Amino acid sequence: MKRIVSKLLLAPLAALVALSIGAANPADVATAQTPEVFLSTPVSGVVVDRGKQVTFTIDVNNKGKDGKFVDLVLTKAPDGWDPILKDRGFVARQVWVGGERLESVDLQLKVPADAKAQDYEVTLRGTGPGIDSTLKLAVGVKDQPTQGTTFAAQYPTLRGKAGSKFGFKADLRNDSEEERTYGLSFKAPEGWEVSFKPSYEDKQVSSITLKSGSSQGLDVEVVPPARVEAGEYPITVTAASQADRASAELKVVVTGTFEMFMSTRTEVFNTQATAGQESPFYVTVTNIGSAALQNVSLSSSKPEGWTVTFKPDKIDQLDPGAQQEVAMMIKPSAKAIAGDYMLNVSASHPQASLDRDVRVTVETPTMWGWVGSGILVVVIGGLLGLFMKLGRR
């Protein structure tokens, strides 16, 4: 009888011991049960530069068969980081998740430019009827920023004459941790043209996309205006993305061209002059080059016995596009007979010169015309008298 009683007492005691053991480990029981609705993310910790935007993809998982509304609340975030949940362009605060489905939203954070270099924690909570899920995220801010974009020219200074094209070779490199699209622009003096072409290609481009860690060679063609003056001209080319920008400083040194042009008031190089008398003929010298001309001298080649002088006989300064009229005083020889004569006028400079032929129609003086007429009358009268005398005989 005592043995039977003992067995009856031991059975409930064993059950009580087993129950107490299970109650002593509630965590093990809880972990064995996966919640129907919970938050997750593929990447829960990142390291970024100051001033950058961080985007986490937040997955709202529903393992149950019934759809659920899930409220999303940021319970912890650093001050000044402007956290925001977005989905399809809208600010999100509640998500409907169908049975056995998954919905995703983006959590965007803007790291301040003056943020300290340390780790920060962001906590997101999803709640609803029978739902309570917390997701912790970590953002580390770098002490030294990641190198971003570099834009550099192989030969940043080129020299040449006006009217030439200047071709620079540059390299654009993306050393950031993401693919970036760059818009290409320039700043140049008015009237200058700048274009971009990928190296070894013939098409002009205004933007270019580079993957992380890649680079692209660019041909930068610079065309100055046709009449640009000699001098140094700075040009800035820029590659800008949404995240950053980089610029390359270029310089074009125009050495200038030396060229002159000569014209007259009547647009023809013909004039008239009287033998033994000085007559003016006006020529205009124009600087059609891109460099200034100093000490332009004037001279002429002429028939023997003639004199030609210039007023002024030297042009001290002739800037690009400027002109100077010069009086060319022509005096034919006093013994010159009537007719056309050729002489040459020259404007010369160490870097440029030109000459033109001038046709001069010479007339005899009026007095000598009358004298000639009188002699002719006397000769004719003498001949008539001689014929009449011979006729009487």
Protein backbone atom coordinates (compact mmCIF):
# COMPACT_ATOMS: atom_id res chain seq x y z
CA MET A 1 0.00 0.00 0.00
CA LYS A 2 2.79 2.42 0.84
CA ARG A 3 4.44 1.67 -2.51
CA ILE A 4 1.25 2.55 -4.40
CA VAL A 5 0.92 5.84 -2.56
CA SER A 6 4.52 6.68 -3.30
CA LYS A 7 4.02 6.13 -7.02
CA LEU A 8 0.91 8.30 -7.05
CA LEU A 9 2.83 11.11 -5.38
CA LEU A 10 5.84 10.85 -7.68
CA ALA A 11 3.84 11.29 -10.91
CA PRO A 12 2.57 14.82 -10.26
CA LEU A 13 5.92 15.77 -8.77
CA ALA A 14 7.70 14.81 -11.98
CA ALA A 15 5.22 16.80 -14.01
CA LEU A 16 5.75 19.80 -11.77
CA VAL A 17 9.52 19.53 -12.16
CA ALA A 18 9.19 19.33 -15.95
CA LEU A 19 6.91 22.39 -15.97
CA SER A 20 9.31 24.35 -13.80
CA ILE A 21 12.21 23.53 -16.12
CA GLY A 22 10.28 24.79 -19.15
CA ALA A 23 9.29 27.97 -17.33
CA ALA A 24 12.91 28.60 -16.43
CA ASN A 25 13.85 29.06 -20.15
CA PRO A 26 11.16 31.34 -21.73
CA ALA A 27 13.70 32.89 -24.15
CA ASP A 28 14.35 29.57 -25.78
CA VAL A 29 10.66 29.09 -26.34
CA ALA A 30 10.24 32.62 -27.76
CA THR A 31 13.15 32.31 -30.18
CA ALA A 32 11.71 29.14 -31.48
CA GLN A 33 8.67 31.08 -32.68
CA THR A 34 9.23 33.47 -35.67
CA PRO A 35 6.88 36.51 -35.61
CA GLU A 36 4.48 36.77 -38.52
CA VAL A 37 5.33 40.42 -39.25
CA PHE A 38 8.83 41.85 -38.81
CA LEU A 39 11.22 44.48 -40.20
CA SER A 40 14.52 43.65 -41.90
CA THR A 41 17.11 45.19 -44.24
CA PRO A 42 19.79 43.72 -46.52
CA VAL A 43 22.42 46.10 -45.10
CA SER A 44 22.03 47.33 -41.55
CA GLY A 45 25.35 49.18 -41.13
CA VAL A 46 27.28 51.55 -43.42
CA VAL A 47 30.23 53.95 -43.28
CA VAL A 48 29.90 57.28 -45.16
CA ASP A 49 31.46 60.72 -45.59
CA ARG A 50 30.22 63.86 -43.93
CA GLY A 51 27.54 65.68 -45.91
CA LYS A 52 26.42 62.55 -47.78
CA GLN A 53 22.93 61.07 -48.03
CA VAL A 54 22.37 57.53 -46.78
CA THR A 55 19.52 55.33 -48.00
CA PHE A 56 18.50 52.06 -46.32
CA THR A 57 16.04 49.66 -47.95
CA ILE A 58 13.57 48.59 -45.25
CA ASP A 59 11.67 45.34 -45.88
CA VAL A 60 8.34 44.80 -44.11
CA ASN A 61 7.83 41.02 -44.05
CA ASN A 62 4.50 39.27 -43.51
CA LYS A 63 4.76 35.49 -43.08
CA GLY A 64 1.10 35.13 -42.17
CA LYS A 65 -1.75 34.41 -44.53
CA ASP A 66 -3.72 37.57 -43.73
CA GLY A 67 -2.78 41.07 -44.86
CA LYS A 68 -1.65 43.54 -42.18
CA PHE A 69 -1.34 47.30 -41.73
CA VAL A 70 2.04 48.17 -40.22
CA ASP A 71 2.76 51.60 -38.73
CA LEU A 72 6.36 52.73 -39.11
CA VAL A 73 7.90 55.05 -36.50
CA LEU A 74 11.50 56.27 -36.10
CA THR A 75 12.13 55.96 -32.40
CA LYS A 76 15.78 57.01 -32.47
CA ALA A 77 17.85 59.14 -34.87
CA PRO A 78 20.72 61.66 -34.52
CA ASP A 79 19.75 65.33 -34.36
CA GLY A 80 19.89 67.23 -37.63
CA TRP A 81 19.96 64.14 -39.88
CA ASP A 82 16.49 64.79 -41.37
CA PRO A 83 15.33 61.14 -41.46
CA ILE A 84 12.43 60.38 -43.79
CA LEU A 85 10.65 57.24 -45.00
CA LYS A 86 9.71 57.32 -48.69
CA ASP A 87 7.87 55.03 -51.05
CA ARG A 88 7.08 55.82 -54.70
CA GLY A 89 7.92 59.46 -54.13
CA PHE A 90 5.64 59.84 -51.09
CA VAL A 91 6.45 60.14 -47.40
CA ALA A 92 5.51 56.80 -45.84
CA ARG A 93 4.22 56.19 -42.33
CA GLN A 94 2.06 53.07 -42.77
CA VAL A 95 2.48 50.04 -45.04
CA TRP A 96 -0.07 47.43 -46.09
CA VAL A 97 1.53 44.01 -46.46
CA GLY A 98 -0.44 41.21 -48.05
CA GLY A 99 -0.39 37.67 -46.77
CA GLU A 100 2.93 35.96 -47.32
CA ARG A 101 4.23 39.09 -49.01
CA LEU A 102 7.00 41.65 -48.57
CA GLU A 103 6.86 45.43 -49.06
CA SER A 104 9.83 47.79 -49.11
CA VAL A 105 10.32 51.47 -48.25
CA ASP A 106 13.43 53.68 -48.27
CA LEU A 107 14.79 55.30 -45.15
CA GLN A 108 16.80 58.37 -46.15
CA LEU A 109 19.22 60.16 -43.83
CA LYS A 110 21.30 63.27 -44.54
CA VAL A 111 24.59 63.27 -42.64
CA PRO A 112 25.45 66.87 -41.60
CA ALA A 113 28.66 68.33 -42.95
CA ASP A 114 29.87 68.96 -39.39
CA ALA A 115 28.98 65.53 -38.00
CA LYS A 116 31.59 64.02 -35.67
CA ALA A 117 33.54 61.00 -36.85
CA GLN A 118 31.87 58.24 -34.84
CA ASP A 119 29.14 55.58 -34.99
CA TYR A 120 25.47 56.59 -34.83
CA GLU A 121 22.39 54.45 -34.17
CA VAL A 122 19.01 54.71 -35.86
CA THR A 123 16.04 52.70 -34.63
CA LEU A 124 12.87 51.99 -36.62
CA ARG A 125 9.79 50.35 -35.11
CA GLY A 126 6.89 48.64 -36.86
CA THR A 127 3.65 48.29 -34.88
CA GLY A 128 0.07 47.19 -35.37
CA PRO A 129 -2.48 44.74 -33.93
CA GLY A 130 -0.33 41.90 -32.66
CA ILE A 131 2.75 43.49 -34.31
CA ASP A 132 5.81 44.92 -32.61
CA SER A 133 9.13 44.72 -34.49
CA THR A 134 12.22 46.85 -33.94
CA LEU A 135 15.09 47.29 -36.41
CA LYS A 136 18.39 48.87 -35.42
CA LEU A 137 20.66 50.50 -38.01
CA ALA A 138 24.24 51.77 -37.66
CA VAL A 139 25.87 54.65 -39.55
CA GLY A 140 29.57 55.33 -39.16
CA VAL A 141 30.93 58.75 -40.19
CA LYS A 142 34.47 58.83 -41.61
CA ASP A 143 37.16 61.08 -40.23
CA GLN A 144 38.78 61.46 -43.67
CA PRO A 145 36.46 61.83 -46.69
CA THR A 146 36.58 59.36 -49.54
CA GLN A 147 38.34 60.75 -52.60
CA GLY A 148 35.67 61.66 -55.13
CA THR A 149 36.16 63.11 -58.61
CA THR A 150 39.36 64.32 -60.25
CA PHE A 151 39.60 66.23 -63.53
CA ALA A 152 43.07 67.09 -64.80
CA ALA A 153 44.67 68.14 -68.10
CA GLN A 154 47.91 66.56 -69.29
CA TYR A 155 49.21 69.90 -70.65
CA PRO A 156 47.18 72.73 -69.12
CA THR A 157 48.86 75.54 -71.12
CA LEU A 158 49.03 75.69 -74.93
CA ARG A 159 50.52 78.39 -77.17
CA GLY A 160 49.66 79.29 -80.76
CA LYS A 161 48.69 81.95 -83.26
CA ALA A 162 45.26 83.51 -83.55
CA GLY A 163 42.93 81.50 -85.75
CA SER A 164 44.42 78.21 -84.54
CA LYS A 165 42.50 75.48 -82.72
CA PHE A 166 43.85 74.36 -79.36
CA GLY A 167 43.42 70.71 -78.37
CA PHE A 168 43.78 69.75 -74.70
CA LYS A 169 43.80 66.18 -73.39
CA ALA A 170 42.21 65.64 -69.98
CA ASP A 171 41.36 62.71 -67.73
CA LEU A 172 38.14 62.48 -65.70
CA ARG A 173 38.22 59.92 -62.87
CA ASN A 174 35.51 58.70 -60.49
CA ASP A 175 37.13 57.51 -57.25
CA SER A 176 33.87 57.51 -55.30
CA GLU A 177 32.06 54.38 -54.15
CA GLU A 178 29.19 54.76 -56.62
CA GLU A 179 28.47 55.24 -60.30
CA ARG A 180 28.09 58.89 -61.24
CA THR A 181 26.90 60.88 -64.24
CA TYR A 182 28.81 64.11 -64.89
CA GLY A 183 27.64 67.16 -66.80
CA LEU A 184 30.45 68.86 -68.73
CA SER A 185 30.60 72.65 -68.87
CA PHE A 186 33.13 75.45 -69.41
CA LYS A 187 33.83 79.07 -68.59
CA ALA A 188 35.71 80.99 -71.30
CA PRO A 189 36.03 84.56 -72.65
CA GLU A 190 33.15 85.80 -74.77
CA GLY A 191 33.21 84.48 -78.32
CA TRP A 192 35.33 81.42 -77.52
CA GLU A 193 34.04 77.91 -78.33
CA VAL A 194 34.79 74.82 -76.22
CA SER A 195 33.71 71.25 -77.00
CA PHE A 196 34.26 67.82 -75.42
CA LYS A 197 34.89 64.48 -77.11
CA PRO A 198 35.77 61.10 -75.58
CA SER A 199 39.32 60.17 -76.55
CA TYR A 200 39.58 58.38 -79.92
CA GLU A 201 35.96 59.22 -80.75
CA ASP A 202 34.55 61.85 -83.09
CA LYS A 203 31.28 62.66 -81.32
CA GLN A 204 30.80 65.68 -79.10
CA VAL A 205 29.32 65.02 -75.65
CA SER A 206 27.90 67.18 -72.86
CA SER A 207 27.72 64.48 -70.16
CA ILE A 208 29.40 61.20 -69.32
CA THR A 209 28.72 58.32 -66.89
CA LEU A 210 31.55 56.63 -64.99
CA LYS A 211 31.41 53.58 -62.77
CA SER A 212 33.11 53.59 -59.39
CA GLY A 213 36.90 53.53 -59.76
CA SER A 214 36.86 54.14 -63.53
CA SER A 215 38.22 56.96 -65.67
CA GLN A 216 37.68 58.45 -69.13
CA GLY A 217 40.04 60.41 -71.36
CA LEU A 218 38.53 63.54 -72.91
CA ASP A 219 39.67 65.73 -75.81
CA VAL A 220 38.85 69.37 -75.07
CA GLU A 221 38.91 71.52 -78.22
CA VAL A 222 39.16 75.30 -77.79
CA VAL A 223 38.53 77.67 -80.71
CA PRO A 224 39.22 81.40 -80.15
CA PRO A 225 37.58 84.16 -82.24
CA ALA A 226 39.23 84.82 -85.61
CA ARG A 227 40.42 88.32 -84.65
CA VAL A 228 41.42 87.59 -81.06
CA GLU A 229 44.22 89.79 -79.74
CA ALA A 230 47.49 88.39 -78.51
CA GLY A 231 47.54 87.55 -74.81
CA GLU A 232 46.83 84.90 -72.20
CA TYR A 233 43.28 83.57 -71.84
CA PRO A 234 42.17 81.35 -68.90
CA ILE A 235 39.52 78.67 -69.46
CA THR A 236 37.87 76.50 -66.80
CA VAL A 237 36.29 73.14 -67.66
CA THR A 238 34.08 71.44 -65.07
CA ALA A 239 32.62 67.96 -64.56
CA ALA A 240 29.73 68.05 -62.07
CA SER A 241 27.56 65.27 -60.64
CA GLN A 242 24.82 65.45 -58.02
CA ALA A 243 27.35 64.50 -55.35
CA ASP A 244 30.40 66.60 -56.22
CA ARG A 245 32.29 68.43 -58.95
CA ALA A 246 35.84 68.81 -60.21
CA SER A 247 37.43 71.47 -62.43
CA ALA A 248 40.53 71.75 -64.57
CA GLU A 249 42.20 75.11 -65.22
CA LEU A 250 43.42 75.59 -68.80
CA LYS A 251 45.30 78.47 -70.41
CA VAL A 252 45.62 79.51 -74.05
CA VAL A 253 48.51 81.83 -74.96
CA VAL A 254 47.79 83.60 -78.26
CA THR A 255 50.99 84.89 -79.81
CA GLY A 256 49.11 86.95 -82.39
CA THR A 257 49.38 87.41 -86.17
CA PHE A 258 51.08 90.28 -88.01
CA GLU A 259 49.28 91.38 -91.14
CA MET A 260 48.58 94.71 -92.87
CA PHE A 261 46.25 95.95 -95.57
CA MET A 262 46.55 99.06 -97.74
CA SER A 263 43.68 100.97 -99.34
CA THR A 264 42.93 104.43 -100.84
CA ARG A 265 40.11 106.93 -100.62
CA THR A 266 38.88 105.98 -104.08
CA GLU A 267 39.61 102.25 -103.72
CA VAL A 268 41.93 102.43 -106.76
CA PHE A 269 45.65 103.01 -106.94
CA ASN A 270 45.56 105.60 -109.75
CA THR A 271 46.35 109.29 -109.50
CA GLN A 272 47.32 112.29 -111.59
CA ALA A 273 50.28 114.59 -111.26
CA THR A 274 51.87 117.48 -113.12
CA ALA A 275 55.49 117.39 -114.18
CA GLY A 276 57.64 119.36 -111.76
CA GLN A 277 54.77 119.86 -109.29
CA GLU A 278 53.95 118.07 -106.02
CA SER A 279 50.58 116.29 -105.79
CA PRO A 280 49.10 114.39 -102.78
CA PHE A 281 47.90 110.81 -102.98
CA TYR A 282 46.37 109.29 -99.83
CA VAL A 283 46.84 105.67 -98.74
CA THR A 284 45.44 104.02 -95.59
CA VAL A 285 47.33 101.29 -93.72
CA THR A 286 45.16 98.94 -91.61
CA ASN A 287 46.33 96.37 -89.07
CA ILE A 288 44.26 93.26 -89.87
CA GLY A 289 46.35 91.00 -87.63
CA SER A 290 45.85 90.22 -83.96
CA ALA A 291 49.05 91.77 -82.62
CA ALA A 292 49.96 95.43 -82.35
CA LEU A 293 52.42 96.87 -84.86
CA GLN A 294 55.03 99.43 -83.82
CA ASN A 295 57.21 101.63 -86.01
CA VAL A 296 55.74 100.84 -89.41
CA SER A 297 57.91 102.60 -91.98
CA LEU A 298 56.82 103.80 -95.42
CA SER A 299 58.95 103.97 -98.57
CA SER A 300 58.63 103.93 -102.35
CA SER A 301 60.45 103.05 -105.54
CA LYS A 302 60.04 105.67 -108.30
CA PRO A 303 61.22 106.77 -111.71
CA GLU A 304 64.51 108.62 -111.95
CA GLY A 305 64.25 112.31 -111.15
CA TRP A 306 61.03 111.93 -109.16
CA THR A 307 60.60 112.67 -105.45
CA VAL A 308 58.10 110.95 -103.12
CA THR A 309 57.68 111.86 -99.44
CA PHE A 310 55.25 110.64 -96.76
CA LYS A 311 53.39 112.56 -94.08
CA PRO A 312 53.92 110.95 -91.61
CA ASP A 313 56.86 108.87 -92.78
CA LYS A 314 56.44 106.38 -89.89
CA ILE A 315 53.46 104.98 -87.96
CA ASP A 316 54.46 104.68 -84.31
CA GLN A 317 51.65 102.37 -83.14
CA LEU A 318 48.96 100.46 -84.99
CA ASP A 319 46.74 98.30 -82.76
CA PRO A 320 44.76 95.35 -84.12
CA GLY A 321 41.90 96.69 -86.25
CA ALA A 322 43.28 100.24 -86.22
CA GLN A 323 44.14 102.22 -89.37
CA GLN A 324 46.25 105.24 -90.28
CA GLU A 325 45.96 107.47 -93.36
CA VAL A 326 49.21 108.68 -94.87
CA ALA A 327 49.67 111.47 -97.44
CA MET A 328 51.96 110.37 -100.23
CA MET A 329 53.41 113.53 -101.85
CA ILE A 330 54.36 112.74 -105.47
CA LYS A 331 56.50 115.12 -107.56
CA PRO A 332 57.32 113.95 -111.10
CA SER A 333 60.47 115.15 -112.77
CA ALA A 334 60.17 118.59 -114.41
CA LYS A 335 61.34 117.00 -117.64
CA ALA A 336 58.72 114.24 -117.53
CA ILE A 337 56.61 114.12 -120.64
CA ALA A 338 52.91 113.43 -120.53
CA GLY A 339 51.96 109.79 -120.02
CA ASP A 340 51.47 106.99 -117.46
CA TYR A 341 54.20 106.06 -114.99
CA MET A 342 54.39 103.30 -112.34
CA LEU A 343 55.83 103.67 -108.88
CA ASN A 344 55.64 101.41 -105.82
CA VAL A 345 54.67 102.19 -102.22
CA SER A 346 55.68 99.91 -99.29
CA ALA A 347 54.73 99.61 -95.61
CA SER A 348 57.18 97.47 -93.67
CA HIS A 349 57.50 95.98 -90.18
CA PRO A 350 59.90 93.29 -88.86
CA GLN A 351 57.04 90.74 -88.79
CA ALA A 352 54.94 91.97 -91.72
CA SER A 353 55.18 94.05 -94.91
CA LEU A 354 53.18 94.85 -98.00
CA ASP A 355 53.57 96.94 -101.16
CA ARG A 356 51.29 98.21 -103.91
CA ASP A 357 51.88 99.65 -107.39
CA VAL A 358 50.54 103.12 -108.09
CA ARG A 359 49.89 104.35 -111.65
CA VAL A 360 50.56 108.07 -112.07
CA THR A 361 49.26 109.92 -115.11
CA VAL A 362 51.61 112.86 -115.73
CA GLU A 363 50.45 116.05 -117.44
CA THR A 364 52.65 118.88 -118.62
CA PRO A 365 52.20 122.34 -117.03
CA THR A 366 49.70 124.74 -118.71
CA MET A 367 52.40 127.36 -119.49
CA TRP A 368 54.43 124.86 -121.41
CA GLY A 369 51.28 123.90 -123.26
CA TRP A 370 50.81 127.44 -124.49
CA VAL A 371 54.48 127.68 -125.38
CA GLY A 372 54.18 124.50 -127.35
CA SER A 373 51.06 125.79 -129.08
CA GLY A 374 52.83 129.04 -129.99
CA ILE A 375 55.79 127.19 -131.42
CA LEU A 376 53.44 125.04 -133.42
CA VAL A 377 51.64 128.13 -134.79
CA VAL A 378 54.95 129.74 -135.74
CA VAL A 379 56.09 126.59 -137.49
CA ILE A 380 52.83 126.24 -139.39
CA GLY A 381 52.89 129.98 -140.33
CA GLY A 382 56.45 129.70 -141.57
CA LEU A 383 55.58 126.73 -143.73
CA LEU A 384 52.56 128.50 -145.22
CA GLY A 385 54.66 131.57 -146.04
CA LEU A 386 57.27 129.39 -147.68
CA PHE A 387 54.68 127.65 -149.84
CA MET A 388 53.15 130.94 -150.92
CA LYS A 389 56.58 132.36 -151.88
CA LEU A 390 57.45 129.34 -153.93
CA GLY A 391 54.03 129.43 -155.56
CA ARG A 392 54.60 132.93 -156.99
CA ARG A 393 57.65 131.79 -158.79
